[in-house]
Amino acid sequence: MTETFGADQAVQLLVDTLITSLKVSAPLLAVILVVGLVISVIQVVTQIQEMTLTFIPKIICVAAVLIFAGGWMLATVVEFTRRVFTSIAGM
């Protein structure tokens, strides 16, 4: 008898996908949030309202996060992909 892909397996796959995407995106989003807030406070204090001023620090910080945490991010996504392919093969 062959097992079908049940609703509980689909929900578990969805939960695993969401958790993995949150884990991978959290460092980038946190750094962008902090840098954006700091730049906004500096703009308010100095009354410099240049819209392009926020982009360069954010790009630099995102590049730094990718350099330092990119390996971990890639390993997390690869491990998730292996789990998904293993579960597909087990059906």
PDB file of N, CA and C in Angstrom:
ATOM      1  N   MET A   1       0.850  -1.172   0.000  1.00  0.00           N
ATOM      2  CA  MET A   1       0.000   0.000   0.000  1.00  0.00           C
ATOM      3  C   MET A   1       0.901   1.242   0.000  1.00  0.00           C
ATOM      4  N   THR A   2       0.621   2.168  -0.854  1.00  0.00           N
ATOM      5  CA  THR A   2       1.436   3.383  -0.934  1.00  0.00           C
ATOM      6  C   THR A   2       0.831   4.460  -0.044  1.00  0.00           C
ATOM      7  N   GLU A   3       1.729   5.185   0.628  1.00  0.00           N
ATOM      8  CA  GLU A   3       1.267   6.279   1.470  1.00  0.00           C
ATOM      9  C   GLU A   3       1.139   7.534   0.623  1.00  0.00           C
ATOM     10  N   THR A   4       0.120   8.278   0.887  1.00  0.00           N
ATOM     11  CA  THR A   4      -0.049   9.537   0.182  1.00  0.00           C
ATOM     12  C   THR A   4       0.467  10.681   1.033  1.00  0.00           C
ATOM     13  N   PHE A   5       0.722  11.761   0.377  1.00  0.00           N
ATOM     14  CA  PHE A   5       1.194  12.951   1.064  1.00  0.00           C
ATOM     15  C   PHE A   5       0.020  13.538   1.822  1.00  0.00           C
ATOM     16  N   GLY A   6       0.017  13.361   3.144  1.00  0.00           N
ATOM     17  CA  GLY A   6      -1.108  13.776   3.961  1.00  0.00           C
ATOM     18  C   GLY A   6      -1.075  15.243   4.314  1.00  0.00           C
ATOM     19  N   ALA A   7      -2.186  15.690   4.872  1.00  0.00           N
ATOM     20  CA  ALA A   7      -2.312  17.098   5.257  1.00  0.00           C
ATOM     21  C   ALA A   7      -1.339  17.435   6.377  1.00  0.00           C
ATOM     22  N   ASP A   8      -1.110  16.492   7.297  1.00  0.00           N
ATOM     23  CA  ASP A   8      -0.179  16.766   8.393  1.00  0.00           C
ATOM     24  C   ASP A   8       1.248  16.922   7.881  1.00  0.00           C
ATOM     25  N   GLN A   9       1.617  16.162   6.860  1.00  0.00           N
ATOM     26  CA  GLN A   9       2.945  16.304   6.274  1.00  0.00           C
ATOM     27  C   GLN A   9       3.076  17.638   5.533  1.00  0.00           C
ATOM     28  N   ALA A  10       2.011  18.054   4.884  1.00  0.00           N
ATOM     29  CA  ALA A  10       2.031  19.335   4.170  1.00  0.00           C
ATOM     30  C   ALA A  10       2.153  20.494   5.154  1.00  0.00           C
ATOM     31  N   VAL A  11       1.434  20.396   6.252  1.00  0.00           N
ATOM     32  CA  VAL A  11       1.514  21.446   7.269  1.00  0.00           C
ATOM     33  C   VAL A  11       2.906  21.467   7.891  1.00  0.00           C
ATOM     34  N   GLN A  12       3.467  20.303   8.166  1.00  0.00           N
ATOM     35  CA  GLN A  12       4.812  20.248   8.734  1.00  0.00           C
ATOM     36  C   GLN A  12       5.845  20.818   7.766  1.00  0.00           C
ATOM     37  N   LEU A  13       5.696  20.530   6.489  1.00  0.00           N
ATOM     38  CA  LEU A  13       6.596  21.089   5.486  1.00  0.00           C
ATOM     39  C   LEU A  13       6.462  22.609   5.424  1.00  0.00           C
ATOM     40  N   LEU A  14       5.241  23.112   5.507  1.00  0.00           N
ATOM     41  CA  LEU A  14       5.010  24.549   5.514  1.00  0.00           C
ATOM     42  C   LEU A  14       5.635  25.206   6.736  1.00  0.00           C
ATOM     43  N   VAL A  15       5.474  24.594   7.900  1.00  0.00           N
ATOM     44  CA  VAL A  15       6.061  25.126   9.134  1.00  0.00           C
ATOM     45  C   VAL A  15       7.582  25.129   9.044  1.00  0.00           C
ATOM     46  N   ASP A  16       8.162  24.035   8.564  1.00  0.00           N
ATOM     47  CA  ASP A  16       9.619  23.968   8.418  1.00  0.00           C
ATOM     48  C   ASP A  16      10.130  25.019   7.433  1.00  0.00           C
ATOM     49  N   THR A  17       9.384  25.231   6.351  1.00  0.00           N
ATOM     50  CA  THR A  17       9.770  26.233   5.361  1.00  0.00           C
ATOM     51  C   THR A  17       9.741  27.628   5.960  1.00  0.00           C
ATOM     52  N   LEU A  18       8.695  27.950   6.692  1.00  0.00           N
ATOM     53  CA  LEU A  18       8.588  29.273   7.304  1.00  0.00           C
ATOM     54  C   LEU A  18       9.665  29.500   8.364  1.00  0.00           C
ATOM     55  N   ILE A  19       9.928  28.495   9.174  1.00  0.00           N
ATOM     56  CA  ILE A  19      10.954  28.631  10.209  1.00  0.00           C
ATOM     57  C   ILE A  19      12.328  28.809   9.577  1.00  0.00           C
ATOM     58  N   THR A  20      12.611  28.043   8.546  1.00  0.00           N
ATOM     59  CA  THR A  20      13.908  28.169   7.869  1.00  0.00           C
ATOM     60  C   THR A  20      14.048  29.537   7.219  1.00  0.00           C
ATOM     61  N   SER A  21      12.994  30.010   6.573  1.00  0.00           N
ATOM     62  CA  SER A  21      13.087  31.331   5.944  1.00  0.00           C
ATOM     63  C   SER A  21      13.236  32.432   6.981  1.00  0.00           C
ATOM     64  N   LEU A  22      12.603  32.308   8.130  1.00  0.00           N
ATOM     65  CA  LEU A  22      12.780  33.287   9.195  1.00  0.00           C
ATOM     66  C   LEU A  22      14.196  33.253   9.765  1.00  0.00           C
ATOM     67  N   LYS A  23      14.722  32.046   9.962  1.00  0.00           N
ATOM     68  CA  LYS A  23      16.082  31.933  10.482  1.00  0.00           C
ATOM     69  C   LYS A  23      17.099  32.524   9.526  1.00  0.00           C
ATOM     70  N   VAL A  24      16.908  32.319   8.236  1.00  0.00           N
ATOM     71  CA  VAL A  24      17.867  32.806   7.247  1.00  0.00           C
ATOM     72  C   VAL A  24      17.751  34.320   7.058  1.00  0.00           C
ATOM     73  N   SER A  25      16.543  34.845   7.083  1.00  0.00           N
ATOM     74  CA  SER A  25      16.365  36.278   6.817  1.00  0.00           C
ATOM     75  C   SER A  25      16.507  37.149   8.054  1.00  0.00           C
ATOM     76  N   ALA A  26      16.435  36.591   9.237  1.00  0.00           N
ATOM     77  CA  ALA A  26      16.463  37.391  10.467  1.00  0.00           C
ATOM     78  C   ALA A  26      17.726  38.237  10.624  1.00  0.00           C
ATOM     79  N   PRO A  27      18.923  37.712  10.388  1.00  0.00           N
ATOM     80  CA  PRO A  27      20.101  38.580  10.556  1.00  0.00           C
ATOM     81  C   PRO A  27      20.094  39.787   9.632  1.00  0.00           C
ATOM     82  N   LEU A  28      19.732  39.584   8.378  1.00  0.00           N
ATOM     83  CA  LEU A  28      19.689  40.701   7.433  1.00  0.00           C
ATOM     84  C   LEU A  28      18.625  41.718   7.829  1.00  0.00           C
ATOM     85  N   LEU A  29      17.452  41.245   8.167  1.00  0.00           N
ATOM     86  CA  LEU A  29      16.380  42.165   8.518  1.00  0.00           C
ATOM     87  C   LEU A  29      16.685  42.935   9.795  1.00  0.00           C
ATOM     88  N   ALA A  30      17.297  42.273  10.776  1.00  0.00           N
ATOM     89  CA  ALA A  30      17.638  42.951  12.024  1.00  0.00           C
ATOM     90  C   ALA A  30      18.671  44.043  11.793  1.00  0.00           C
ATOM     91  N   VAL A  31      19.684  43.747  11.000  1.00  0.00           N
ATOM     92  CA  VAL A  31      20.724  44.741  10.728  1.00  0.00           C
ATOM     93  C   VAL A  31      20.145  45.915   9.938  1.00  0.00           C
ATOM     94  N   ILE A  32      19.323  45.645   8.949  1.00  0.00           N
ATOM     95  CA  ILE A  32      18.718  46.719   8.173  1.00  0.00           C
ATOM     96  C   ILE A  32      17.820  47.580   9.055  1.00  0.00           C
ATOM     97  N   LEU A  33      17.085  46.954   9.967  1.00  0.00           N
ATOM     98  CA  LEU A  33      16.224  47.706  10.874  1.00  0.00           C
ATOM     99  C   LEU A  33      17.033  48.626  11.773  1.00  0.00           C
ATOM    100  N   VAL A  34      18.084  48.100  12.380  1.00  0.00           N
ATOM    101  CA  VAL A  34      18.912  48.897  13.291  1.00  0.00           C
ATOM    102  C   VAL A  34      19.601  50.034  12.539  1.00  0.00           C
ATOM    103  N   VAL A  35      20.193  49.743  11.395  1.00  0.00           N
ATOM    104  CA  VAL A  35      20.883  50.777  10.619  1.00  0.00           C
ATOM    105  C   VAL A  35      19.889  51.838  10.156  1.00  0.00           C
ATOM    106  N   GLY A  36      18.718  51.432   9.711  1.00  0.00           N
ATOM    107  CA  GLY A  36      17.705  52.398   9.293  1.00  0.00           C
ATOM    108  C   GLY A  36      17.263  53.304  10.417  1.00  0.00           C
ATOM    109  N   LEU A  37      17.081  52.726  11.621  1.00  0.00           N
ATOM    110  CA  LEU A  37      16.697  53.543  12.773  1.00  0.00           C
ATOM    111  C   LEU A  37      17.794  54.523  13.160  1.00  0.00           C
ATOM    112  N   VAL A  38      19.044  54.065  13.166  1.00  0.00           N
ATOM    113  CA  VAL A  38      20.158  54.942  13.518  1.00  0.00           C
ATOM    114  C   VAL A  38      20.284  56.085  12.515  1.00  0.00           C
ATOM    115  N   ILE A  39      20.212  55.772  11.247  1.00  0.00           N
ATOM    116  CA  ILE A  39      20.308  56.806  10.218  1.00  0.00           C
ATOM    117  C   ILE A  39      19.134  57.778  10.330  1.00  0.00           C
ATOM    118  N   SER A  40      17.953  57.279  10.613  1.00  0.00           N
ATOM    119  CA  SER A  40      16.792  58.158  10.762  1.00  0.00           C
ATOM    120  C   SER A  40      16.959  59.109  11.940  1.00  0.00           C
ATOM    121  N   VAL A  41      17.472  58.601  13.051  1.00  0.00           N
ATOM    122  CA  VAL A  41      17.708  59.461  14.211  1.00  0.00           C
ATOM    123  C   VAL A  41      18.757  60.517  13.876  1.00  0.00           C
ATOM    124  N   ILE A  42      19.810  60.116  13.183  1.00  0.00           N
ATOM    125  CA  ILE A  42      20.843  61.084  12.785  1.00  0.00           C
ATOM    126  C   ILE A  42      20.259  62.136  11.850  1.00  0.00           C
ATOM    127  N   GLN A  43      19.400  61.732  10.925  1.00  0.00           N
ATOM    128  CA  GLN A  43      18.777  62.689  10.022  1.00  0.00           C
ATOM    129  C   GLN A  43      17.867  63.659  10.765  1.00  0.00           C
ATOM    130  N   VAL A  44      17.153  63.170  11.755  1.00  0.00           N
ATOM    131  CA  VAL A  44      16.267  64.044  12.522  1.00  0.00           C
ATOM    132  C   VAL A  44      17.080  65.036  13.341  1.00  0.00           C
ATOM    133  N   VAL A  45      18.149  64.564  13.963  1.00  0.00           N
ATOM    134  CA  VAL A  45      18.961  65.430  14.807  1.00  0.00           C
ATOM    135  C   VAL A  45      19.667  66.498  13.976  1.00  0.00           C
ATOM    136  N   THR A  46      20.215  66.110  12.839  1.00  0.00           N
ATOM    137  CA  THR A  46      20.963  67.062  12.014  1.00  0.00           C
ATOM    138  C   THR A  46      20.088  67.781  11.004  1.00  0.00           C
ATOM    139  N   GLN A  47      18.846  67.417  10.900  1.00  0.00           N
ATOM    140  CA  GLN A  47      17.887  67.986   9.958  1.00  0.00           C
ATOM    141  C   GLN A  47      18.341  67.852   8.502  1.00  0.00           C
ATOM    142  N   ILE A  48      19.074  66.792   8.217  1.00  0.00           N
ATOM    143  CA  ILE A  48      19.448  66.468   6.842  1.00  0.00           C
ATOM    144  C   ILE A  48      18.398  65.489   6.331  1.00  0.00           C
ATOM    145  N   GLN A  49      17.645  65.887   5.352  1.00  0.00           N
ATOM    146  CA  GLN A  49      16.555  65.055   4.854  1.00  0.00           C
ATOM    147  C   GLN A  49      16.863  64.515   3.461  1.00  0.00           C
ATOM    148  N   GLU A  50      18.050  63.987   3.284  1.00  0.00           N
ATOM    149  CA  GLU A  50      18.453  63.404   2.008  1.00  0.00           C
ATOM    150  C   GLU A  50      17.989  61.947   1.973  1.00  0.00           C
ATOM    151  N   MET A  51      17.165  61.593   1.000  1.00  0.00           N
ATOM    152  CA  MET A  51      16.585  60.250   0.944  1.00  0.00           C
ATOM    153  C   MET A  51      17.624  59.185   0.581  1.00  0.00           C
ATOM    154  N   THR A  52      18.638  59.564  -0.183  1.00  0.00           N
ATOM    155  CA  THR A  52      19.621  58.566  -0.606  1.00  0.00           C
ATOM    156  C   THR A  52      20.665  58.288   0.457  1.00  0.00           C
ATOM    157  N   LEU A  53      20.661  59.037   1.544  1.00  0.00           N
ATOM    158  CA  LEU A  53      21.661  58.867   2.597  1.00  0.00           C
ATOM    159  C   LEU A  53      21.556  57.510   3.294  1.00  0.00           C
ATOM    160  N   THR A  54      20.396  56.922   3.327  1.00  0.00           N
ATOM    161  CA  THR A  54      20.219  55.657   4.039  1.00  0.00           C
ATOM    162  C   THR A  54      20.681  54.447   3.231  1.00  0.00           C
ATOM    163  N   PHE A  55      20.773  54.569   1.920  1.00  0.00           N
ATOM    164  CA  PHE A  55      21.045  53.395   1.095  1.00  0.00           C
ATOM    165  C   PHE A  55      22.477  52.885   1.232  1.00  0.00           C
ATOM    166  N   ILE A  56      23.453  53.754   1.215  1.00  0.00           N
ATOM    167  CA  ILE A  56      24.850  53.320   1.259  1.00  0.00           C
ATOM    168  C   ILE A  56      25.184  52.593   2.562  1.00  0.00           C
ATOM    169  N   PRO A  57      24.833  53.130   3.749  1.00  0.00           N
ATOM    170  CA  PRO A  57      25.114  52.368   4.975  1.00  0.00           C
ATOM    171  C   PRO A  57      24.393  51.018   5.021  1.00  0.00           C
ATOM    172  N   LYS A  58      23.164  50.983   4.512  1.00  0.00           N
ATOM    173  CA  LYS A  58      22.432  49.716   4.507  1.00  0.00           C
ATOM    174  C   LYS A  58      23.101  48.696   3.596  1.00  0.00           C
ATOM    175  N   ILE A  59      23.548  49.127   2.430  1.00  0.00           N
ATOM    176  CA  ILE A  59      24.216  48.217   1.502  1.00  0.00           C
ATOM    177  C   ILE A  59      25.509  47.696   2.106  1.00  0.00           C
ATOM    178  N   ILE A  60      26.267  48.579   2.741  1.00  0.00           N
ATOM    179  CA  ILE A  60      27.525  48.158   3.374  1.00  0.00           C
ATOM    180  C   ILE A  60      27.253  47.161   4.502  1.00  0.00           C
ATOM    181  N   CYS A  61      26.257  47.432   5.315  1.00  0.00           N
ATOM    182  CA  CYS A  61      25.944  46.525   6.427  1.00  0.00           C
ATOM    183  C   CYS A  61      25.404  45.182   5.938  1.00  0.00           C
ATOM    184  N   VAL A  62      24.601  45.197   4.894  1.00  0.00           N
ATOM    185  CA  VAL A  62      24.096  43.935   4.330  1.00  0.00           C
ATOM    186  C   VAL A  62      25.251  43.117   3.772  1.00  0.00           C
ATOM    187  N   ALA A  63      26.188  43.783   3.101  1.00  0.00           N
ATOM    188  CA  ALA A  63      27.358  43.064   2.582  1.00  0.00           C
ATOM    189  C   ALA A  63      28.170  42.467   3.722  1.00  0.00           C
ATOM    190  N   ALA A  64      28.329  43.212   4.817  1.00  0.00           N
ATOM    191  CA  ALA A  64      29.078  42.696   5.967  1.00  0.00           C
ATOM    192  C   ALA A  64      28.372  41.488   6.588  1.00  0.00           C
ATOM    193  N   VAL A  65      27.055  41.566   6.711  1.00  0.00           N
ATOM    194  CA  VAL A  65      26.306  40.437   7.272  1.00  0.00           C
ATOM    195  C   VAL A  65      26.425  39.223   6.362  1.00  0.00           C
ATOM    196  N   LEU A  66      26.348  39.425   5.063  1.00  0.00           N
ATOM    197  CA  LEU A  66      26.477  38.301   4.137  1.00  0.00           C
ATOM    198  C   LEU A  66      27.877  37.693   4.184  1.00  0.00           C
ATOM    199  N   ILE A  67      28.896  38.524   4.386  1.00  0.00           N
ATOM    200  CA  ILE A  67      30.261  37.995   4.499  1.00  0.00           C
ATOM    201  C   ILE A  67      30.398  37.148   5.757  1.00  0.00           C
ATOM    202  N   PHE A  68      29.872  37.646   6.873  1.00  0.00           N
ATOM    203  CA  PHE A  68      30.051  36.940   8.141  1.00  0.00           C
ATOM    204  C   PHE A  68      29.050  35.815   8.365  1.00  0.00           C
ATOM    205  N   ALA A  69      27.810  35.981   7.927  1.00  0.00           N
ATOM    206  CA  ALA A  69      26.784  34.970   8.196  1.00  0.00           C
ATOM    207  C   ALA A  69      26.341  34.221   6.941  1.00  0.00           C
ATOM    208  N   GLY A  70      26.938  34.534   5.804  1.00  0.00           N
ATOM    209  CA  GLY A  70      26.514  33.891   4.559  1.00  0.00           C
ATOM    210  C   GLY A  70      26.727  32.386   4.554  1.00  0.00           C
ATOM    211  N   GLY A  71      27.829  31.941   5.131  1.00  0.00           N
ATOM    212  CA  GLY A  71      28.092  30.499   5.202  1.00  0.00           C
ATOM    213  C   GLY A  71      27.049  29.770   6.026  1.00  0.00           C
ATOM    214  N   TRP A  72      26.698  30.371   7.158  1.00  0.00           N
ATOM    215  CA  TRP A  72      25.672  29.765   8.011  1.00  0.00           C
ATOM    216  C   TRP A  72      24.324  29.762   7.300  1.00  0.00           C
ATOM    217  N   MET A  73      24.009  30.862   6.608  1.00  0.00           N
ATOM    218  CA  MET A  73      22.744  30.937   5.884  1.00  0.00           C
ATOM    219  C   MET A  73      22.666  29.862   4.803  1.00  0.00           C
ATOM    220  N   LEU A  74      23.752  29.726   4.049  1.00  0.00           N
ATOM    221  CA  LEU A  74      23.790  28.719   2.990  1.00  0.00           C
ATOM    222  C   LEU A  74      23.690  27.312   3.572  1.00  0.00           C
ATOM    223  N   ALA A  75      24.394  27.052   4.662  1.00  0.00           N
ATOM    224  CA  ALA A  75      24.329  25.730   5.298  1.00  0.00           C
ATOM    225  C   ALA A  75      22.923  25.423   5.794  1.00  0.00           C
ATOM    226  N   THR A  76      22.233  26.422   6.319  1.00  0.00           N
ATOM    227  CA  THR A  76      20.863  26.229   6.801  1.00  0.00           C
ATOM    228  C   THR A  76      19.924  25.875   5.656  1.00  0.00           C
ATOM    229  N   VAL A  77      20.041  26.576   4.538  1.00  0.00           N
ATOM    230  CA  VAL A  77      19.179  26.310   3.387  1.00  0.00           C
ATOM    231  C   VAL A  77      19.508  24.947   2.770  1.00  0.00           C
ATOM    232  N   VAL A  78      20.786  24.607   2.684  1.00  0.00           N
ATOM    233  CA  VAL A  78      21.185  23.307   2.128  1.00  0.00           C
ATOM    234  C   VAL A  78      20.681  22.171   3.012  1.00  0.00           C
ATOM    235  N   GLU A  79      20.782  22.333   4.324  1.00  0.00           N
ATOM    236  CA  GLU A  79      20.309  21.295   5.247  1.00  0.00           C
ATOM    237  C   GLU A  79      18.796  21.132   5.124  1.00  0.00           C
ATOM    238  N   PHE A  80      18.065  22.229   4.997  1.00  0.00           N
ATOM    239  CA  PHE A  80      16.614  22.155   4.810  1.00  0.00           C
ATOM    240  C   PHE A  80      16.281  21.448   3.498  1.00  0.00           C
ATOM    241  N   THR A  81      17.005  21.786   2.438  1.00  0.00           N
ATOM    242  CA  THR A  81      16.759  21.163   1.140  1.00  0.00           C
ATOM    243  C   THR A  81      17.019  19.668   1.195  1.00  0.00           C
ATOM    244  N   ARG A  82      18.081  19.271   1.891  1.00  0.00           N
ATOM    245  CA  ARG A  82      18.360  17.827   2.040  1.00  0.00           C
ATOM    246  C   ARG A  82      17.243  17.122   2.778  1.00  0.00           C
ATOM    247  N   ARG A  83      16.723  17.772   3.836  1.00  0.00           N
ATOM    248  CA  ARG A  83      15.608  17.166   4.580  1.00  0.00           C
ATOM    249  C   ARG A  83      14.377  17.005   3.694  1.00  0.00           C
ATOM    250  N   VAL A  84      14.110  18.009   2.857  1.00  0.00           N
ATOM    251  CA  VAL A  84      12.935  17.943   1.980  1.00  0.00           C
ATOM    252  C   VAL A  84      13.110  16.824   0.957  1.00  0.00           C
ATOM    253  N   PHE A  85      14.308  16.750   0.340  1.00  0.00           N
ATOM    254  CA  PHE A  85      14.536  15.702  -0.652  1.00  0.00           C
ATOM    255  C   PHE A  85      14.527  14.318  -0.022  1.00  0.00           C
ATOM    256  N   THR A  86      15.021  14.197   1.188  1.00  0.00           N
ATOM    257  CA  THR A  86      14.990  12.915   1.894  1.00  0.00           C
ATOM    258  C   THR A  86      13.557  12.499   2.193  1.00  0.00           C
ATOM    259  N   SER A  87      12.721  13.466   2.601  1.00  0.00           N
ATOM    260  CA  SER A  87      11.330  13.135   2.878  1.00  0.00           C
ATOM    261  C   SER A  87      10.570  12.788   1.605  1.00  0.00           C
ATOM    262  N   ILE A  88      10.942  13.427   0.482  1.00  0.00           N
ATOM    263  CA  ILE A  88      10.320  13.083  -0.800  1.00  0.00           C
ATOM    264  C   ILE A  88      10.705  11.652  -1.205  1.00  0.00           C
ATOM    265  N   ALA A  89      11.982  11.314  -1.019  1.00  0.00           N
ATOM    266  CA  ALA A  89      12.434   9.969  -1.374  1.00  0.00           C
ATOM    267  C   ALA A  89      11.807   8.899  -0.498  1.00  0.00           C
ATOM    268  N   GLY A  90      11.445   9.288   0.728  1.00  0.00           N
ATOM    269  CA  GLY A  90      10.844   8.321   1.658  1.00  0.00           C
ATOM    270  C   GLY A  90       9.368   8.071   1.422  1.00  0.00           C
ATOM    271  N   MET A  91       8.770   8.765   0.503  1.00  0.00           N
ATOM    272  CA  MET A  91       7.316   8.593   0.273  1.00  0.00           C
ATOM    273  C   MET A  91       7.024   7.398  -0.574  1.00  0.00           C
TER     274      MET A  91
END
